[in-house]
Amino acid sequence: MSKKESQQSAVEAPVMEAPVAVKKQVKTPKSNWEMKERVYLLKNNYTPLTLTIPSRHTRKHPLLFFDKASGIQRELKYATNQDSPLVDEQKGECTLGHIIFEEGKLVVPVAKQNLQKLLSLYHPLRDRIYMEHKPEIIAEDEVEELETQIIALNAAQSMDVDQAEAIMRVENGTKVNEMSSKELKRDLLLFARNNPQLFITLANDENVGLRNVAIKAQELGVIILSQDQRHFLWGSNKRKLMTIPFDENPYSAMAAWFKTDEGVEVFKSIEKKLF
């Protein structure tokens, strides 16, 4: 190949272009935030004529939100002319708004999304001074409570007299001794309805029955609790049965002792004397 042809070939060789980098689109995660009117209530049924809570960050009333994603504290401010309550997302002049509860209640319309997000997501006083009223959560809690009541009432209805007496002795003490079976049943059902969780706990606690046996045995003189409440003795010969651990309820301690090797035999002997 001649020198001229070589130069021409070099000129006509195609030029390879560098590939253009294509940016990957980052998908913004979908938010669970629902656009609706929201109601906020002061806690503990507190209903003053008016109550104003901080709406911007100051040295006296810090209004900051810790952003776990970035690891920084972000300043908050309720500005009526801004879309976000986060100061670093606000632009231009801000028109400061006030957050005022009237008679313990604040209704925020759907148009005020910035105030809703400040109160529902970021404000440090949320769930301390006020809370968002959520009927669906209240309904869920009420259903759970009603279901617990039904379980407790069913258990109370089918409970035998001895267990009923043991549970009501925890609630009423020695008054149980003066109650008729109908009175006992009535109070048991009322207890199950009014305190279902505690009732279920007691019904499933085997120590309640053992504790009741210890109390009845002491009331009938089968066993004796020493004056210093440090020992249980046999009523017949004053022989010591057990020493009560320091700072424990005597009958709870004896109920636990009944489950030991030595205590089982004593429990069987007491049961024979009682029943």
Protein backbone atom coordinates (compact mmCIF):
# COMPACT_ATOMS: atom_id res chain seq x y z
CA MET A 1 0.00 0.00 0.00
CA SER A 2 1.33 3.47 -0.97
CA LYS A 3 1.90 6.20 1.58
CA LYS A 4 -1.02 8.22 0.16
CA GLU A 5 -3.43 5.29 0.37
CA SER A 6 -2.33 4.64 3.97
CA GLN A 7 -3.09 8.25 5.00
CA GLN A 8 -6.51 8.13 3.27
CA SER A 9 -7.39 4.89 5.04
CA ALA A 10 -6.49 6.42 8.39
CA VAL A 11 -8.71 9.44 7.76
CA GLU A 12 -11.70 7.36 6.69
CA ALA A 13 -11.55 4.98 9.74
CA PRO A 14 -14.76 5.23 11.81
CA VAL A 15 -14.51 7.03 15.11
CA MET A 16 -15.89 5.07 18.14
CA GLU A 17 -18.00 7.25 20.45
CA ALA A 18 -17.83 6.75 24.23
CA PRO A 19 -21.05 5.25 25.66
CA VAL A 20 -23.34 7.77 27.34
CA ALA A 21 -23.98 6.96 31.00
CA VAL A 22 -27.69 6.52 31.66
CA LYS A 23 -28.88 7.72 35.08
CA LYS A 24 -30.98 5.24 37.00
CA GLN A 25 -34.23 6.69 38.24
CA VAL A 26 -34.59 6.40 42.00
CA LYS A 27 -38.11 5.47 42.91
CA THR A 28 -39.59 7.49 45.74
CA PRO A 29 -41.12 5.13 48.26
CA LYS A 30 -44.88 5.34 48.53
CA SER A 31 -46.10 7.17 51.60
CA ASN A 32 -48.76 5.75 53.89
CA TRP A 33 -49.90 9.26 54.69
CA GLU A 34 -53.65 9.67 54.14
CA MET A 35 -55.09 13.04 53.19
CA LYS A 36 -58.09 13.71 55.40
CA GLU A 37 -59.37 15.99 58.12
CA ARG A 38 -57.67 15.21 61.42
CA VAL A 39 -58.69 15.84 65.02
CA TYR A 40 -56.27 16.29 67.92
CA LEU A 41 -57.19 16.07 71.61
CA LEU A 42 -55.37 17.07 74.77
CA LYS A 43 -54.57 14.06 76.91
CA ASN A 44 -56.18 13.10 80.24
CA ASN A 45 -59.47 14.77 79.21
CA TYR A 46 -57.87 18.17 79.77
CA THR A 47 -60.22 20.84 78.38
CA PRO A 48 -58.99 24.38 79.11
CA LEU A 49 -60.66 27.27 77.29
CA THR A 50 -57.55 27.63 75.10
CA LEU A 51 -54.07 26.12 75.11
CA THR A 52 -51.29 27.14 72.73
CA ILE A 53 -48.38 24.82 72.03
CA PRO A 54 -45.06 25.87 70.40
CA SER A 55 -45.20 26.32 66.64
CA ARG A 56 -41.54 27.21 65.97
CA HIS A 57 -38.12 26.37 67.39
CA THR A 58 -36.77 28.66 70.11
CA ARG A 59 -34.16 28.29 72.82
CA LYS A 60 -36.89 28.26 75.47
CA HIS A 61 -39.13 25.82 73.59
CA PRO A 62 -37.02 23.59 71.33
CA LEU A 63 -38.95 22.30 68.35
CA LEU A 64 -36.71 19.72 66.69
CA PHE A 65 -37.22 16.41 64.92
CA PHE A 66 -34.48 13.77 64.86
CA ASP A 67 -34.24 12.35 61.35
CA LYS A 68 -32.94 8.78 61.72
CA ALA A 69 -32.22 8.51 57.98
CA SER A 70 -29.76 11.42 57.99
CA GLY A 71 -28.81 11.27 61.67
CA ILE A 72 -29.42 14.99 62.23
CA GLN A 73 -31.82 17.20 64.19
CA ARG A 74 -34.14 19.13 61.89
CA GLU A 75 -35.75 22.38 62.95
CA LEU A 76 -39.54 22.68 62.83
CA LYS A 77 -41.76 25.67 62.16
CA TYR A 78 -45.45 25.99 61.31
CA ALA A 79 -45.62 28.50 58.45
CA THR A 80 -49.05 28.94 56.89
CA ASN A 81 -47.58 29.72 53.46
CA GLN A 82 -45.24 26.71 53.29
CA ASP A 83 -45.91 23.11 52.27
CA SER A 84 -43.57 21.54 54.81
CA PRO A 85 -43.12 22.03 58.57
CA LEU A 86 -39.39 21.26 58.20
CA VAL A 87 -37.43 24.52 58.06
CA ASP A 88 -34.79 23.14 55.67
CA GLU A 89 -37.55 22.47 53.13
CA GLN A 90 -39.12 25.90 53.38
CA LYS A 91 -38.34 28.65 50.85
CA GLY A 92 -38.72 32.42 50.95
CA GLU A 93 -40.52 34.41 53.62
CA CYS A 94 -42.58 32.47 56.14
CA THR A 95 -45.87 33.50 57.68
CA LEU A 96 -45.85 32.09 61.20
CA GLY A 97 -49.00 30.28 62.33
CA HIS A 98 -50.22 29.50 65.84
CA ILE A 99 -51.33 26.10 67.17
CA ILE A 100 -54.26 26.59 69.53
CA PHE A 101 -56.43 23.95 71.18
CA GLU A 102 -59.89 25.18 72.13
CA GLU A 103 -61.62 23.32 74.97
CA GLY A 104 -59.11 20.52 74.57
CA LYS A 105 -59.64 20.02 70.84
CA LEU A 106 -58.06 21.08 67.55
CA VAL A 107 -59.63 20.24 64.19
CA VAL A 108 -57.23 20.58 61.24
CA PRO A 109 -58.83 20.57 57.77
CA VAL A 110 -57.39 18.53 54.89
CA ALA A 111 -56.05 21.70 53.23
CA LYS A 112 -53.57 22.29 56.08
CA GLN A 113 -51.29 19.36 55.35
CA ASN A 114 -48.23 21.12 56.75
CA LEU A 115 -49.90 21.56 60.16
CA GLN A 116 -51.24 17.99 60.12
CA LYS A 117 -47.79 16.56 59.42
CA LEU A 118 -46.22 18.74 62.11
CA LEU A 119 -48.74 17.48 64.69
CA SER A 120 -48.97 13.84 63.55
CA LEU A 121 -45.35 13.11 62.59
CA TYR A 122 -42.86 15.56 64.05
CA HIS A 123 -44.01 17.59 67.07
CA PRO A 124 -42.15 16.57 70.27
CA LEU A 125 -45.30 17.06 72.38
CA ARG A 126 -47.22 14.42 70.42
CA ASP A 127 -48.49 11.69 72.76
CA ARG A 128 -47.19 13.69 75.70
CA ILE A 129 -49.61 16.63 75.87
CA TYR A 130 -51.92 15.81 72.98
CA MET A 131 -52.77 12.87 70.74
CA GLU A 132 -54.38 12.35 67.38
CA HIS A 133 -57.94 11.07 67.62
CA LYS A 134 -58.08 7.80 65.67
CA PRO A 135 -61.55 6.22 65.77
CA GLU A 136 -60.36 3.02 64.05
CA ILE A 137 -57.72 2.38 66.73
CA ILE A 138 -60.21 3.18 69.50
CA ALA A 139 -62.68 0.73 67.94
CA GLU A 140 -59.96 -1.93 67.69
CA ASP A 141 -59.08 -1.48 71.37
CA GLU A 142 -62.75 -1.63 72.37
CA VAL A 143 -63.29 -4.85 70.39
CA GLU A 144 -60.26 -6.40 72.07
CA GLU A 145 -61.53 -5.34 75.50
CA LEU A 146 -65.01 -6.76 74.79
CA GLU A 147 -63.53 -10.05 73.62
CA THR A 148 -61.45 -10.24 76.81
CA GLN A 149 -64.60 -9.58 78.85
CA ILE A 150 -66.41 -12.43 77.07
CA ILE A 151 -63.52 -14.83 77.81
CA ALA A 152 -63.46 -13.75 81.46
CA LEU A 153 -67.25 -14.01 81.88
CA ASN A 154 -67.36 -17.46 80.28
CA ALA A 155 -64.60 -18.63 82.62
CA ALA A 156 -66.41 -17.15 85.63
CA GLN A 157 -69.71 -18.77 84.63
CA SER A 158 -68.21 -22.26 84.55
CA MET A 159 -65.92 -21.86 87.58
CA ASP A 160 -66.37 -24.11 90.61
CA VAL A 161 -67.06 -22.67 94.04
CA ASP A 162 -63.59 -23.33 95.49
CA GLN A 163 -61.77 -21.51 92.71
CA ALA A 164 -64.32 -18.70 92.76
CA GLU A 165 -63.77 -18.30 96.50
CA ALA A 166 -59.99 -18.27 96.02
CA ILE A 167 -60.19 -15.50 93.41
CA MET A 168 -62.70 -13.39 95.34
CA ARG A 169 -60.63 -13.71 98.50
CA VAL A 170 -57.85 -11.86 96.63
CA GLU A 171 -60.38 -9.11 95.84
CA ASN A 172 -62.55 -9.03 99.00
CA GLY A 173 -60.42 -10.65 101.71
CA THR A 174 -62.26 -12.22 104.67
CA LYS A 175 -65.64 -10.84 103.49
CA VAL A 176 -65.81 -13.99 101.36
CA ASN A 177 -66.52 -16.05 104.50
CA GLU A 178 -69.81 -14.18 105.04
CA MET A 179 -71.06 -14.43 101.43
CA SER A 180 -73.69 -16.85 100.20
CA SER A 181 -73.02 -18.86 97.03
CA LYS A 182 -75.27 -16.50 95.03
CA GLU A 183 -73.46 -13.44 96.33
CA LEU A 184 -70.14 -15.06 95.55
CA LYS A 185 -71.25 -15.88 92.00
CA ARG A 186 -72.58 -12.36 91.45
CA ASP A 187 -69.39 -10.69 92.66
CA LEU A 188 -67.29 -13.10 90.61
CA LEU A 189 -69.15 -12.19 87.40
CA LEU A 190 -68.92 -8.47 88.19
CA PHE A 191 -65.19 -8.82 88.84
CA ALA A 192 -64.75 -10.68 85.54
CA ARG A 193 -66.66 -7.98 83.66
CA ASN A 194 -64.99 -4.97 85.28
CA ASN A 195 -61.42 -6.33 85.49
CA PRO A 196 -61.25 -9.05 82.81
CA GLN A 197 -57.48 -9.09 82.39
CA LEU A 198 -56.79 -9.36 86.13
CA PHE A 199 -59.51 -12.00 86.46
CA ILE A 200 -57.96 -14.13 83.70
CA THR A 201 -54.52 -13.76 85.29
CA LEU A 202 -55.83 -14.93 88.67
CA ALA A 203 -57.85 -17.76 87.12
CA ASN A 204 -54.68 -19.09 85.47
CA ASP A 205 -52.52 -18.68 88.57
CA GLU A 206 -52.34 -21.98 90.44
CA ASN A 207 -50.89 -20.20 93.48
CA VAL A 208 -54.20 -18.40 94.06
CA GLY A 209 -55.88 -21.66 95.05
CA LEU A 210 -52.96 -22.70 97.25
CA ARG A 211 -52.96 -19.26 98.87
CA ASN A 212 -56.66 -19.62 99.60
CA VAL A 213 -56.07 -22.98 101.31
CA ALA A 214 -53.42 -21.38 103.51
CA ILE A 215 -55.77 -18.53 104.49
CA LYS A 216 -58.66 -20.88 105.28
CA ALA A 217 -56.37 -23.15 107.29
CA GLN A 218 -55.20 -20.19 109.34
CA GLU A 219 -58.77 -18.91 109.88
CA LEU A 220 -59.87 -22.35 111.13
CA GLY A 221 -56.83 -22.75 113.40
CA VAL A 222 -55.32 -25.65 111.47
CA ILE A 223 -52.16 -23.59 111.14
CA ILE A 224 -51.04 -20.49 113.04
CA LEU A 225 -49.20 -17.42 111.77
CA SER A 226 -46.75 -16.19 114.41
CA GLN A 227 -47.22 -12.68 115.77
CA ASP A 228 -44.08 -11.42 114.06
CA GLN A 229 -45.37 -12.98 110.79
CA ARG A 230 -42.10 -14.83 110.34
CA HIS A 231 -43.29 -18.43 110.82
CA PHE A 232 -46.24 -20.76 110.22
CA LEU A 233 -46.91 -23.32 112.97
CA TRP A 234 -49.20 -26.32 113.33
CA GLY A 235 -52.26 -25.30 115.31
CA SER A 236 -52.36 -28.55 117.29
CA ASN A 237 -48.83 -28.65 118.73
CA LYS A 238 -47.28 -25.30 117.69
CA ARG A 239 -44.55 -27.10 115.75
CA LYS A 240 -42.92 -24.87 113.15
CA LEU A 241 -43.89 -25.65 109.57
CA MET A 242 -41.95 -23.04 107.62
CA THR A 243 -40.08 -19.76 107.87
CA ILE A 244 -41.45 -16.89 105.76
CA PRO A 245 -38.79 -15.21 103.58
CA PHE A 246 -38.14 -11.60 104.48
CA ASP A 247 -40.47 -9.00 102.91
CA GLU A 248 -42.85 -11.59 101.39
CA ASN A 249 -46.58 -11.96 101.88
CA PRO A 250 -46.99 -14.87 104.35
CA TYR A 251 -49.75 -16.61 102.38
CA SER A 252 -48.05 -16.18 99.02
CA ALA A 253 -44.88 -17.62 100.56
CA MET A 254 -46.78 -20.62 101.93
CA ALA A 255 -48.50 -21.18 98.55
CA ALA A 256 -45.06 -21.42 96.94
CA TRP A 257 -43.85 -23.68 99.78
CA PHE A 258 -46.78 -26.05 99.23
CA LYS A 259 -45.17 -26.99 95.88
CA THR A 260 -41.92 -28.17 97.49
CA ASP A 261 -41.33 -31.81 98.45
CA GLU A 262 -41.86 -31.05 102.15
CA GLY A 263 -44.77 -28.68 101.51
CA VAL A 264 -46.75 -31.16 99.38
CA GLU A 265 -47.17 -33.53 102.31
CA VAL A 266 -48.28 -30.69 104.60
CA PHE A 267 -50.73 -29.48 101.95
CA LYS A 268 -52.33 -32.94 101.69
CA SER A 269 -52.67 -33.08 105.49
CA ILE A 270 -54.25 -29.59 105.61
CA GLU A 271 -56.68 -30.48 102.81
CA LYS A 272 -57.92 -33.51 104.78
CA LYS A 273 -58.58 -31.32 107.84
CA LEU A 274 -60.39 -28.65 105.78
CA PHE A 275 -62.50 -30.81 103.55
